[in-house]
Amino acid sequence: MTVAWVLLIPLVLLTAHTAVNARLLRRPGRGATTTERVAVLLPLRDEAGRVTPCLRSLLAQEGVPGLTIHVLDDGSTDGTADVVREVAGDRVHLHTGAPPPPGWLGKPHACHRLGEFAADADVLVFVDADVVLEPDAVAGAVDLLRRTGVTLLSPYPRIVGAGRLVQPLLQWSWLTFLPLRAMERSPRPSLAAAGGQWLVLDRAGYQRAGGHAAVRDEILEDIALARAVKRTGGRIALADGSALATCRMYDSWHDLTDGYTKSLWASFGSTAGAAAVTSLLVLLYVVLPSAAPVLVLPALIAYLLGVAGRAISAHATGGRALPDALAHPISVLLFGYLIVLSVHRRRAGRLAWRGRPLPSAAADKRKG
């Protein structure tokens, strides 16, 4: 009985922290304008089936007269470049990618090449093919970048599509466990987060950090880039971009599983770190609420605290609070399963993405 009540203390503190972060969360303004030279950079690999809405949203941007759009077709085999030409014509700069050199992963290499093509820009805006922006999204994000004085801004889109049980945990996790304002002020690279779906960077700061060349072999290149920015004296910030952007990351549970397992193993620093985080999450948000037959009151309070945190997170980031938040223990259990699966696949050398194999644990040991 005593242990159960003690475990409620961190749950109360974490839920309160979620509420504080939700109140402090930065948001780009609507209807902003900028006279800066802005380059939108879109890396594509086999995205013929879903790039059209993204391209149309980029072509519809307003309030950015100095906007250029660079698209890189990174070895697609499904006619992605043809779709780009059909939708955008000569309104975008379409570049042909090349296989990544030894020591490079595919996306960092594609983003590095795109950065080279946009050498005259003041601000770089990286977007993924599954992101659809509102007409004032780029201007609003650039305006917030300048108002906050940060080098890297990560406006998180509203996530749509498959995975209602798991996807909302992305926003919930950083609202619950990451002190947002302290992250902005702290120079510590370890205190960093970013979402690669939509990144906005001051070009001078990006170059000072080494650009994507500094994170060439990182599976989580977005977080690694944020850390590189901090190491070179820059500042970073997360923002709620749900009013300005949507992101359809996955259309099926199979795609979600492949997408999460390719990188979850890298999110915790080590296998021991992954085990510790998974155990803590399951203990607080699954085991304790499941103790209702024996410890009715603390189990009920634990369950309600988890649901409250999820609901607060959803409300703050454009998600659906109910009924989704009611299944929070199941969500955490599924997330723990994906972490375990990711570590297992990496050890077995079974990780790949977009037809390219990813380094295994054995390969990393040999390299070290």
Protein backbone atom coordinates (compact mmCIF):
# COMPACT_ATOMS: atom_id res chain seq x y z
CA MET A 1 0.00 0.00 0.00
CA THR A 2 2.73 2.48 0.98
CA VAL A 3 4.69 1.85 -2.24
CA ALA A 4 1.64 2.53 -4.38
CA TRP A 5 1.01 5.88 -2.70
CA VAL A 6 4.69 6.82 -3.03
CA LEU A 7 4.58 6.05 -6.75
CA LEU A 8 1.75 8.52 -7.12
CA ILE A 9 4.11 11.37 -6.22
CA PRO A 10 6.09 11.31 -9.51
CA LEU A 11 2.82 10.86 -11.40
CA VAL A 12 1.38 13.99 -9.84
CA LEU A 13 4.57 15.94 -10.56
CA LEU A 14 4.76 14.73 -14.17
CA THR A 15 1.13 15.59 -14.88
CA ALA A 16 1.62 19.03 -13.33
CA HIS A 17 4.71 19.48 -15.49
CA THR A 18 2.68 18.60 -18.58
CA ALA A 19 0.17 21.30 -17.68
CA VAL A 20 2.90 23.91 -17.12
CA ASN A 21 4.60 23.08 -20.41
CA ALA A 22 1.29 23.21 -22.26
CA ARG A 23 0.73 26.71 -20.93
CA LEU A 24 4.26 27.83 -21.89
CA LEU A 25 4.28 26.17 -25.30
CA ARG A 26 5.21 28.59 -28.07
CA ARG A 27 3.03 28.92 -31.14
CA PRO A 28 3.68 30.65 -34.48
CA GLY A 29 1.38 33.58 -35.16
CA ARG A 30 -1.09 33.70 -38.01
CA GLY A 31 -0.90 36.08 -40.94
CA ALA A 32 2.79 36.91 -40.47
CA THR A 33 5.04 38.20 -43.23
CA THR A 34 8.80 38.26 -43.74
CA THR A 35 11.13 39.93 -46.20
CA GLU A 36 13.95 37.48 -45.56
CA ARG A 37 15.20 35.07 -48.20
CA VAL A 38 13.71 31.73 -47.23
CA ALA A 39 14.48 28.37 -48.82
CA VAL A 40 12.09 25.46 -48.31
CA LEU A 41 13.98 22.18 -48.66
CA LEU A 42 12.11 18.97 -49.44
CA PRO A 43 13.98 15.63 -49.61
CA LEU A 44 12.04 12.86 -51.38
CA ARG A 45 12.55 9.15 -51.76
CA ASP A 46 9.72 7.05 -53.24
CA GLU A 47 7.03 9.57 -52.28
CA ALA A 48 5.03 9.62 -55.53
CA GLY A 49 1.87 8.54 -53.75
CA ARG A 50 1.77 11.31 -51.17
CA VAL A 51 3.95 14.26 -52.15
CA THR A 52 1.26 16.14 -54.11
CA PRO A 53 -0.56 17.73 -51.11
CA CYS A 54 2.79 18.80 -49.66
CA LEU A 55 3.93 20.40 -52.91
CA ARG A 56 0.65 22.22 -53.43
CA SER A 57 0.82 23.63 -49.91
CA LEU A 58 4.36 24.86 -50.49
CA LEU A 59 3.38 26.54 -53.74
CA ALA A 60 0.51 28.29 -51.94
CA GLN A 61 2.69 29.99 -49.31
CA GLU A 62 1.96 33.65 -48.66
CA GLY A 63 3.81 36.49 -46.97
CA VAL A 64 7.26 35.28 -48.10
CA PRO A 65 8.19 37.12 -51.30
CA GLY A 66 11.76 35.84 -51.04
CA LEU A 67 10.73 32.18 -51.02
CA THR A 68 12.45 29.50 -53.09
CA ILE A 69 11.62 25.79 -53.04
CA HIS A 70 14.28 23.13 -53.58
CA VAL A 71 13.26 19.49 -54.03
CA LEU A 72 15.74 16.62 -54.13
CA ASP A 73 14.73 13.28 -55.62
CA ASP A 74 16.87 10.87 -53.62
CA GLY A 75 17.04 7.84 -55.89
CA SER A 76 13.30 7.23 -56.15
CA THR A 77 12.10 4.28 -58.21
CA ASP A 78 8.37 5.10 -58.23
CA GLY A 79 8.28 8.15 -60.48
CA THR A 80 8.48 10.74 -57.70
CA ALA A 81 10.35 13.21 -59.92
CA ASP A 82 7.65 12.95 -62.60
CA VAL A 83 5.00 13.81 -60.01
CA VAL A 84 7.01 16.84 -58.90
CA ARG A 85 7.30 18.07 -62.48
CA GLU A 86 3.60 17.52 -63.11
CA VAL A 87 2.46 19.33 -59.95
CA ALA A 88 5.04 22.11 -59.68
CA GLY A 89 6.54 22.54 -63.13
CA ASP A 90 9.30 25.11 -63.05
CA ARG A 91 8.05 26.72 -59.82
CA VAL A 92 10.46 24.58 -57.80
CA HIS A 93 14.11 23.69 -58.26
CA LEU A 94 14.18 19.93 -58.77
CA HIS A 95 17.54 18.26 -58.10
CA THR A 96 18.66 14.69 -58.65
CA GLY A 97 20.25 13.01 -55.66
CA ALA A 98 23.13 10.58 -55.51
CA PRO A 99 23.76 7.51 -53.33
CA PRO A 100 25.09 8.55 -49.93
CA PRO A 101 28.88 8.21 -49.60
CA PRO A 102 30.35 5.78 -47.05
CA GLY A 103 29.65 6.96 -43.53
CA TRP A 104 26.48 8.83 -44.50
CA LEU A 105 22.85 7.86 -44.01
CA GLY A 106 20.36 8.73 -46.71
CA LYS A 107 18.34 11.55 -45.19
CA PRO A 108 21.26 13.53 -43.71
CA HIS A 109 22.98 13.34 -47.10
CA ALA A 110 19.87 14.52 -48.96
CA CYS A 111 19.39 17.41 -46.53
CA HIS A 112 23.08 18.31 -46.81
CA ARG A 113 22.81 18.53 -50.59
CA LEU A 114 19.68 20.65 -50.34
CA GLY A 115 21.45 23.04 -47.99
CA GLU A 116 24.19 23.47 -50.56
CA PHE A 117 21.65 24.38 -53.25
CA ALA A 118 20.19 27.10 -51.00
CA ALA A 119 23.43 28.92 -50.30
CA ASP A 120 21.92 32.41 -50.65
CA ALA A 121 19.06 31.94 -48.16
CA ASP A 122 18.80 33.60 -44.76
CA VAL A 123 16.50 30.91 -43.35
CA LEU A 124 16.28 27.20 -44.17
CA VAL A 125 12.97 25.36 -43.78
CA PHE A 126 13.20 21.56 -43.96
CA VAL A 127 9.92 19.69 -44.46
CA ASP A 128 9.03 16.06 -45.08
CA ALA A 129 6.78 14.85 -47.87
CA ASP A 130 4.00 13.90 -45.45
CA VAL A 131 3.65 17.48 -44.13
CA VAL A 132 0.96 19.82 -45.45
CA LEU A 133 1.35 23.50 -44.53
CA GLU A 134 -1.22 26.26 -44.21
CA PRO A 135 -0.59 29.24 -46.55
CA ASP A 136 0.91 31.36 -43.74
CA ALA A 137 2.91 28.53 -42.12
CA VAL A 138 6.38 29.38 -43.42
CA ALA A 139 6.03 33.09 -42.68
CA GLY A 140 4.66 32.35 -39.21
CA ALA A 141 7.47 29.95 -38.37
CA VAL A 142 10.17 32.35 -39.61
CA ASP A 143 8.57 35.13 -37.58
CA LEU A 144 8.64 32.98 -34.42
CA LEU A 145 12.25 31.97 -35.11
CA ARG A 146 13.26 35.62 -35.13
CA ARG A 147 11.06 36.70 -32.21
CA THR A 148 12.48 34.01 -29.94
CA GLY A 149 16.05 34.58 -31.14
CA VAL A 150 16.75 30.87 -31.50
CA THR A 151 18.89 29.19 -34.14
CA LEU A 152 16.65 26.14 -34.62
CA LEU A 153 12.88 26.08 -34.26
CA SER A 154 10.92 22.84 -34.37
CA PRO A 155 7.19 23.56 -34.86
CA TYR A 156 5.48 20.22 -34.30
CA PRO A 157 2.67 19.49 -36.81
CA ARG A 158 -0.66 17.93 -35.90
CA ILE A 159 -0.25 14.19 -36.48
CA VAL A 160 -3.01 12.49 -38.49
CA GLY A 161 -3.47 9.03 -39.95
CA ALA A 162 -2.83 5.62 -38.45
CA GLY A 163 -1.62 5.06 -34.92
CA ARG A 164 -4.07 6.91 -32.69
CA LEU A 165 -2.94 4.80 -29.76
CA VAL A 166 0.78 5.50 -30.22
CA GLN A 167 1.35 8.67 -32.25
CA PRO A 168 0.07 11.12 -29.58
CA LEU A 169 2.79 9.84 -27.26
CA LEU A 170 5.31 11.89 -29.25
CA GLN A 171 3.87 15.21 -28.09
CA TRP A 172 2.93 13.83 -24.67
CA SER A 173 6.49 12.61 -24.03
CA TRP A 174 8.23 15.95 -24.53
CA LEU A 175 5.49 17.93 -22.81
CA THR A 176 5.67 15.56 -19.83
CA PHE A 177 9.39 14.92 -19.45
CA LEU A 178 11.17 17.87 -21.07
CA PRO A 179 11.39 21.30 -19.37
CA LEU A 180 10.78 23.45 -22.44
CA ARG A 181 11.94 26.82 -21.16
CA ALA A 182 14.98 25.30 -19.45
CA MET A 183 15.83 23.53 -22.72
CA GLU A 184 15.75 26.88 -24.55
CA ARG A 185 18.05 28.56 -22.00
CA SER A 186 20.41 25.67 -21.27
CA PRO A 187 23.59 25.26 -23.37
CA ARG A 188 23.67 21.52 -22.59
CA PRO A 189 23.46 19.49 -25.82
CA SER A 190 21.93 16.59 -23.90
CA LEU A 191 18.88 18.76 -23.19
CA ALA A 192 17.57 18.91 -26.73
CA ALA A 193 14.61 17.77 -28.79
CA ALA A 194 13.38 18.35 -32.32
CA GLY A 195 11.04 16.83 -34.88
CA GLY A 196 12.44 16.40 -38.37
CA GLN A 197 9.05 16.69 -40.08
CA TRP A 198 9.36 20.50 -40.01
CA LEU A 199 12.53 22.34 -38.98
CA VAL A 200 13.28 26.05 -39.33
CA LEU A 201 16.90 27.23 -39.02
CA ASP A 202 18.90 30.40 -39.23
CA ARG A 203 21.31 29.58 -42.05
CA ALA A 204 24.37 31.14 -40.38
CA GLY A 205 23.74 29.10 -37.24
CA TYR A 206 23.16 25.97 -39.32
CA GLN A 207 26.53 26.42 -41.02
CA ARG A 208 28.25 27.18 -37.71
CA ALA A 209 26.91 23.87 -36.35
CA GLY A 210 28.33 22.00 -39.34
CA GLY A 211 24.95 21.46 -40.98
CA HIS A 212 23.85 17.93 -41.77
CA ALA A 213 27.47 16.95 -42.38
CA ALA A 214 27.86 17.08 -38.59
CA VAL A 215 25.12 14.43 -38.19
CA ARG A 216 25.86 12.37 -41.30
CA ASP A 217 25.58 8.97 -39.59
CA GLU A 218 22.79 9.77 -37.11
CA ILE A 219 19.53 7.87 -37.42
CA LEU A 220 17.87 10.63 -35.36
CA GLU A 221 19.43 13.41 -37.38
CA ASP A 222 16.89 15.98 -36.18
CA ILE A 223 17.82 15.64 -32.50
CA ALA A 224 21.51 15.32 -33.37
CA LEU A 225 21.30 18.56 -35.36
CA ALA A 226 19.66 20.33 -32.42
CA ARG A 227 22.53 19.15 -30.21
CA ALA A 228 25.10 20.31 -32.76
CA VAL A 229 23.46 23.75 -32.75
CA LYS A 230 23.79 23.90 -28.98
CA ARG A 231 27.42 22.79 -29.04
CA THR A 232 28.27 25.77 -31.25
CA GLY A 233 26.51 28.35 -29.10
CA GLY A 234 23.07 28.32 -30.68
CA ARG A 235 19.67 27.98 -29.04
CA ILE A 236 16.74 25.75 -29.92
CA ALA A 237 13.00 25.78 -29.24
CA LEU A 238 10.00 23.52 -29.71
CA ALA A 239 6.65 24.97 -30.73
CA ASP A 240 3.12 23.80 -31.35
CA GLY A 241 2.63 23.97 -35.11
CA SER A 242 -0.67 22.09 -35.16
CA ALA A 243 -2.66 25.11 -36.38
CA LEU A 244 -0.29 25.56 -39.33
CA ALA A 245 0.68 22.04 -40.38
CA THR A 246 -0.52 18.46 -40.47
CA CYS A 247 1.63 15.37 -40.88
CA ARG A 248 0.37 11.99 -42.05
CA MET A 249 3.33 9.91 -40.93
CA TYR A 250 1.87 6.43 -41.43
CA ASP A 251 -1.18 4.90 -43.07
CA SER A 252 -1.07 1.47 -41.39
CA TRP A 253 0.14 -0.25 -38.25
CA HIS A 254 2.76 -2.07 -40.34
CA ASP A 255 4.21 1.20 -41.62
CA LEU A 256 4.13 2.68 -38.13
CA THR A 257 5.97 -0.31 -36.71
CA ASP A 258 8.69 -0.07 -39.36
CA GLY A 259 8.99 3.69 -38.88
CA TYR A 260 9.25 3.58 -35.11
CA THR A 261 11.52 0.57 -34.83
CA LYS A 262 14.10 2.01 -37.23
CA SER A 263 14.97 4.75 -34.74
CA LEU A 264 13.50 4.11 -31.28
CA TRP A 265 16.60 2.20 -30.21
CA ALA A 266 18.61 5.42 -30.63
CA SER A 267 16.31 7.55 -28.49
CA PHE A 268 17.64 6.46 -25.11
CA GLY A 269 21.42 6.39 -25.56
CA SER A 270 21.88 2.67 -24.87
CA THR A 271 20.06 -0.61 -24.38
CA ALA A 272 20.22 -0.04 -20.64
CA GLY A 273 18.68 3.39 -21.08
CA ALA A 274 15.90 1.98 -23.21
CA ALA A 275 15.23 -0.72 -20.61
CA ALA A 276 15.15 1.82 -17.79
CA VAL A 277 12.77 4.20 -19.59
CA THR A 278 10.47 1.39 -20.69
CA SER A 279 10.35 -0.08 -17.19
CA LEU A 280 9.55 3.28 -15.61
CA LEU A 281 6.79 4.10 -18.09
CA VAL A 282 5.18 0.69 -17.72
CA LEU A 283 5.43 0.81 -13.92
CA LEU A 284 3.83 4.24 -13.57
CA TYR A 285 1.29 4.19 -16.38
CA VAL A 286 0.40 0.49 -16.76
CA VAL A 287 1.23 -1.56 -13.66
CA LEU A 288 0.04 0.92 -11.05
CA PRO A 289 -3.29 1.70 -12.74
CA SER A 290 -3.79 -2.06 -13.22
CA ALA A 291 -3.57 -2.70 -9.47
CA ALA A 292 -7.24 -1.77 -9.03
CA PRO A 293 -8.41 -5.16 -7.71
CA VAL A 294 -6.04 -4.82 -4.75
CA LEU A 295 -5.32 -1.09 -4.43
CA VAL A 296 -8.46 0.53 -5.70
CA LEU A 297 -7.93 4.18 -4.79
CA PRO A 298 -4.23 4.63 -5.74
CA ALA A 299 -4.81 2.66 -8.95
CA LEU A 300 -7.75 4.87 -9.89
CA ILE A 301 -5.78 8.05 -9.12
CA ALA A 302 -2.83 6.77 -11.18
CA TYR A 303 -5.10 6.02 -14.12
CA LEU A 304 -6.78 9.42 -13.95
CA LEU A 305 -3.42 11.21 -13.74
CA GLY A 306 -2.22 9.42 -16.88
CA VAL A 307 -5.44 10.25 -18.72
CA ALA A 308 -5.26 13.86 -17.57
CA GLY A 309 -1.70 14.24 -18.86
CA ARG A 310 -2.66 12.81 -22.23
CA ALA A 311 -5.73 15.01 -22.46
CA ILE A 312 -3.74 18.13 -21.61
CA SER A 313 -1.14 17.23 -24.22
CA ALA A 314 -3.77 16.59 -26.88
CA HIS A 315 -5.54 19.87 -26.17
CA ALA A 316 -2.26 21.79 -26.37
CA THR A 317 -1.10 20.23 -29.63
CA GLY A 318 -4.25 19.96 -31.73
CA GLY A 319 -4.95 16.31 -30.97
CA ARG A 320 -8.13 14.56 -29.87
CA ALA A 321 -8.34 14.26 -26.11
CA LEU A 322 -11.29 11.89 -25.78
CA PRO A 323 -11.79 9.03 -26.05
CA ASP A 324 -8.14 8.47 -27.03
CA ALA A 325 -6.66 9.52 -23.68
CA LEU A 326 -8.77 6.92 -21.88
CA ALA A 327 -6.58 4.22 -23.44
CA HIS A 328 -3.33 5.72 -22.13
CA PRO A 329 -2.14 2.52 -20.35
CA ILE A 330 -2.61 0.56 -23.58
CA SER A 331 -0.73 3.27 -25.50
CA VAL A 332 2.23 3.11 -23.13
CA LEU A 333 2.26 -0.69 -23.29
CA LEU A 334 2.34 -0.59 -27.11
CA PHE A 335 5.08 2.03 -27.01
CA GLY A 336 7.14 -0.20 -24.72
CA TYR A 337 6.63 -3.09 -27.14
CA LEU A 338 7.92 -0.94 -30.03
CA ILE A 339 11.01 0.02 -28.02
CA VAL A 340 11.80 -3.63 -27.30
CA LEU A 341 11.16 -4.57 -30.94
CA SER A 342 13.43 -1.77 -32.15
CA VAL A 343 16.33 -2.89 -29.95
CA HIS A 344 15.81 -6.51 -31.03
CA ARG A 345 15.72 -5.71 -34.76
CA ARG A 346 18.84 -3.59 -34.50
CA ARG A 347 20.76 -6.34 -32.72
CA ALA A 348 19.60 -8.81 -35.36
CA GLY A 349 20.66 -6.46 -38.20
CA ARG A 350 17.10 -6.27 -39.57
CA LEU A 351 16.64 -2.50 -39.73
CA ALA A 352 16.08 -0.76 -43.08
CA TRP A 353 14.26 2.29 -44.40
CA ARG A 354 13.16 3.15 -47.91
CA GLY A 355 15.04 0.17 -49.27
CA ARG A 356 18.34 1.11 -47.59
CA PRO A 357 19.76 -1.04 -44.79
CA LEU A 358 20.57 0.73 -41.54
CA PRO A 359 23.66 -0.02 -39.43
CA SER A 360 23.28 -2.85 -36.96
CA ALA A 361 24.64 -2.99 -33.42
CA ALA A 362 27.39 -5.34 -34.64
CA ALA A 363 28.39 -2.89 -37.39
CA ASP A 364 28.64 -0.08 -34.87
CA LYS A 365 30.86 -2.19 -32.63
CA ARG A 366 33.17 -2.95 -35.55
CA LYS A 367 33.31 0.74 -36.44
CA GLY A 368 34.11 1.64 -32.83
